[in-house]
C-alpha atoms as a PDB file:
ATOM      1  CA  MET A   1     -12.168  43.099 -38.440  1.00  0.00           C
ATOM      2  CA  PRO A   2     -13.222  43.049 -34.728  1.00  0.00           C
ATOM      3  CA  ARG A   3     -14.499  39.528 -35.296  1.00  0.00           C
ATOM      4  CA  LEU A   4     -11.050  38.472 -36.450  1.00  0.00           C
ATOM      5  CA  ALA A   5      -9.375  39.958 -33.314  1.00  0.00           C
ATOM      6  CA  VAL A   6     -11.905  38.095 -31.003  1.00  0.00           C
ATOM      7  CA  LEU A   7     -11.267  34.817 -32.883  1.00  0.00           C
ATOM      8  CA  LEU A   8      -7.363  35.274 -32.626  1.00  0.00           C
ATOM      9  CA  ALA A   9      -7.639  36.117 -28.993  1.00  0.00           C
ATOM     10  CA  LEU A  10      -9.672  33.030 -28.449  1.00  0.00           C
ATOM     11  CA  ALA A  11      -7.312  30.859 -30.287  1.00  0.00           C
ATOM     12  CA  PHE A  12      -4.370  32.170 -28.308  1.00  0.00           C
ATOM     13  CA  THR A  13      -6.040  31.546 -25.046  1.00  0.00           C
ATOM     14  CA  ILE A  14      -6.906  27.962 -26.045  1.00  0.00           C
ATOM     15  CA  LEU A  15      -3.240  27.395 -27.101  1.00  0.00           C
ATOM     16  CA  LEU A  16      -1.998  28.745 -23.704  1.00  0.00           C
ATOM     17  CA  ALA A  17      -4.387  26.764 -21.655  1.00  0.00           C
ATOM     18  CA  THR A  18      -3.988  23.401 -23.458  1.00  0.00           C
ATOM     19  CA  PRO A  19      -0.711  22.222 -21.904  1.00  0.00           C
ATOM     20  CA  ALA A  20      -1.865  22.898 -18.464  1.00  0.00           C
ATOM     21  CA  ALA A  21      -5.197  21.176 -19.069  1.00  0.00           C
ATOM     22  CA  PHE A  22      -3.550  18.103 -20.443  1.00  0.00           C
ATOM     23  CA  ALA A  23      -0.582  17.779 -17.995  1.00  0.00           C
ATOM     24  CA  GLN A  24       0.003  14.242 -17.541  1.00  0.00           C
ATOM     25  CA  THR A  25       0.339  12.759 -14.089  1.00  0.00           C
ATOM     26  CA  GLN A  26       0.437   9.480 -12.497  1.00  0.00           C
ATOM     27  CA  THR A  27       0.017   7.885  -8.986  1.00  0.00           C
ATOM     28  CA  LEU A  28       2.947   6.662  -6.884  1.00  0.00           C
ATOM     29  CA  ARG A  29       2.367   4.242  -4.133  1.00  0.00           C
ATOM     30  CA  GLY A  30       4.476   2.093  -1.904  1.00  0.00           C
ATOM     31  CA  VAL A  31       5.323   1.010   1.580  1.00  0.00           C
ATOM     32  CA  VAL A  32       8.073   2.305   3.933  1.00  0.00           C
ATOM     33  CA  LEU A  33       9.814  -0.386   5.985  1.00  0.00           C
ATOM     34  CA  ASP A  34      12.691  -0.677   8.505  1.00  0.00           C
ATOM     35  CA  ARG A  35      15.612  -2.111   6.504  1.00  0.00           C
ATOM     36  CA  ASP A  36      16.600  -4.690   9.158  1.00  0.00           C
ATOM     37  CA  THR A  37      13.464  -5.673  10.884  1.00  0.00           C
ATOM     38  CA  ARG A  38      11.004  -5.192   7.836  1.00  0.00           C
ATOM     39  CA  THR A  39       8.542  -3.537  10.249  1.00  0.00           C
ATOM     40  CA  PRO A  40       6.399  -0.696   8.796  1.00  0.00           C
ATOM     41  CA  LEU A  41       7.271   2.872   9.727  1.00  0.00           C
ATOM     42  CA  PRO A  42       3.917   4.778  10.237  1.00  0.00           C
ATOM     43  CA  GLY A  43       4.221   8.611   9.785  1.00  0.00           C
ATOM     44  CA  ALA A  44       7.348   8.408   7.609  1.00  0.00           C
ATOM     45  CA  ASN A  45       7.487  11.439   5.249  1.00  0.00           C
ATOM     46  CA  VAL A  46       7.662  10.772   1.520  1.00  0.00           C
ATOM     47  CA  VAL A  47       8.490  13.813  -0.629  1.00  0.00           C
ATOM     48  CA  VAL A  48       9.271  14.429  -4.289  1.00  0.00           C
ATOM     49  CA  VAL A  49      12.460  16.514  -4.217  1.00  0.00           C
ATOM     50  CA  ASP A  50      12.378  19.875  -5.948  1.00  0.00           C
ATOM     51  CA  SER A  51       8.612  19.504  -6.801  1.00  0.00           C
ATOM     52  CA  GLU A  52       6.702  22.583  -7.678  1.00  0.00           C
ATOM     53  CA  PRO A  53       4.017  22.658  -6.112  1.00  0.00           C
ATOM     54  CA  PHE A  54       5.224  20.636  -3.111  1.00  0.00           C
ATOM     55  CA  LEU A  55       4.403  16.925  -3.422  1.00  0.00           C
ATOM     56  CA  GLY A  56       4.544  14.869  -0.346  1.00  0.00           C
ATOM     57  CA  THR A  57       2.757  12.663   2.055  1.00  0.00           C
ATOM     58  CA  ALA A  58       3.026  10.583   5.318  1.00  0.00           C
ATOM     59  CA  THR A  59       2.590   6.923   5.590  1.00  0.00           C
ATOM     60  CA  ASP A  60      -0.368   5.267   7.221  1.00  0.00           C
ATOM     61  CA  ALA A  61      -0.183   2.896  10.221  1.00  0.00           C
ATOM     62  CA  ASP A  62       0.958   0.022   7.874  1.00  0.00           C
ATOM     63  CA  GLY A  63       3.721   2.095   6.387  1.00  0.00           C
ATOM     64  CA  ARG A  64       1.841   2.632   3.186  1.00  0.00           C
ATOM     65  CA  PHE A  65       1.584   5.804   1.146  1.00  0.00           C
ATOM     66  CA  VAL A  66       0.000   7.101  -1.994  1.00  0.00           C
ATOM     67  CA  LEU A  67       0.983  10.250  -3.898  1.00  0.00           C
ATOM     68  CA  SER A  68      -1.453  11.367  -6.678  1.00  0.00           C
ATOM     69  CA  SER A  69      -0.793  13.787  -9.492  1.00  0.00           C
ATOM     70  CA  VAL A  70       2.937  13.120  -9.738  1.00  0.00           C
ATOM     71  CA  PRO A  71       4.295  14.406 -13.039  1.00  0.00           C
ATOM     72  CA  LEU A  72       5.676  11.905 -15.549  1.00  0.00           C
ATOM     73  CA  GLY A  73       9.441  11.385 -16.050  1.00  0.00           C
ATOM     74  CA  ARG A  74      12.301  10.700 -13.793  1.00  0.00           C
ATOM     75  CA  LEU A  75      12.121  12.132 -10.146  1.00  0.00           C
ATOM     76  CA  VAL A  76      13.885  11.918  -6.790  1.00  0.00           C
ATOM     77  CA  LEU A  77      12.157  10.876  -3.725  1.00  0.00           C
ATOM     78  CA  GLN A  78      13.181  11.501  -0.221  1.00  0.00           C
ATOM     79  CA  VAL A  79      11.909   9.318   2.688  1.00  0.00           C
ATOM     80  CA  SER A  80      12.525  10.496   6.246  1.00  0.00           C
ATOM     81  CA  TYR A  81      11.434   9.262   9.686  1.00  0.00           C
ATOM     82  CA  LEU A  82      12.368  10.401  13.171  1.00  0.00           C
ATOM     83  CA  GLY A  83      15.451   8.583  14.433  1.00  0.00           C
ATOM     84  CA  TYR A  84      16.556   7.447  10.946  1.00  0.00           C
ATOM     85  CA  THR A  85      18.821   8.833   8.479  1.00  0.00           C
ATOM     86  CA  PRO A  86      16.846  10.274   5.379  1.00  0.00           C
ATOM     87  CA  ARG A  87      17.068   7.985   2.384  1.00  0.00           C
ATOM     88  CA  VAL A  88      17.027   9.436  -1.131  1.00  0.00           C
ATOM     89  CA  LEU A  89      15.692   7.448  -4.048  1.00  0.00           C
ATOM     90  CA  PRO A  90      17.135   8.699  -7.359  1.00  0.00           C
ATOM     91  CA  ASN A  91      15.747   8.086 -10.835  1.00  0.00           C
ATOM     92  CA  VAL A  92      12.199   6.871  -9.865  1.00  0.00           C
ATOM     93  CA  LEU A  93      10.476   6.630 -13.412  1.00  0.00           C
ATOM     94  CA  MET A  94       6.887   7.708 -13.665  1.00  0.00           C
ATOM     95  CA  ARG A  95       5.220   6.447 -16.802  1.00  0.00           C
ATOM     96  CA  ALA A  96       2.019   7.163 -18.559  1.00  0.00           C
ATOM     97  CA  ALA A  97      -0.782   4.694 -18.043  1.00  0.00           C
ATOM     98  CA  GLN A  98       0.993   2.752 -15.442  1.00  0.00           C
ATOM     99  CA  GLU A  99       0.937   3.405 -11.617  1.00  0.00           C
ATOM    100  CA  THR A 100       4.389   3.278 -10.188  1.00  0.00           C
ATOM    101  CA  VAL A 101       4.756   0.905  -7.020  1.00  0.00           C
ATOM    102  CA  LEU A 102       7.599   0.982  -4.722  1.00  0.00           C
ATOM    103  CA  GLU A 103       8.003  -1.756  -2.109  1.00  0.00           C
END
C-alpha cells in the first residue's frame, strides 16, 4: 500500500509540473523608428502589457529590440520614448515555431 501512495504522489507531481515545463514561448523582435523621419529611437521602451512576469526591454543604438520567452497568442505591446506619446500595438500575434518580427 505505501508503494501505491508513493506512485500516486509521483504521478500527481508530474501532472502538475508538466504544463510549466512545456510552456510555449517565442521571440519577438523589431525596430522602433520615428514615424516622420524614419530615424531609429535608441533607448525606447517596449513592454508586453499586463504580462506576468513583467516582459519588456529597451531598444539598442539602432532602435532594434529582442524580447525572448514571450507567451504564444495575442498580446498588446506598448512602446514609449521620452518626448513622444506612448504607442499601443494591439493584437500582436505570437505563433509557435515562428519568430514574430515588427518593423
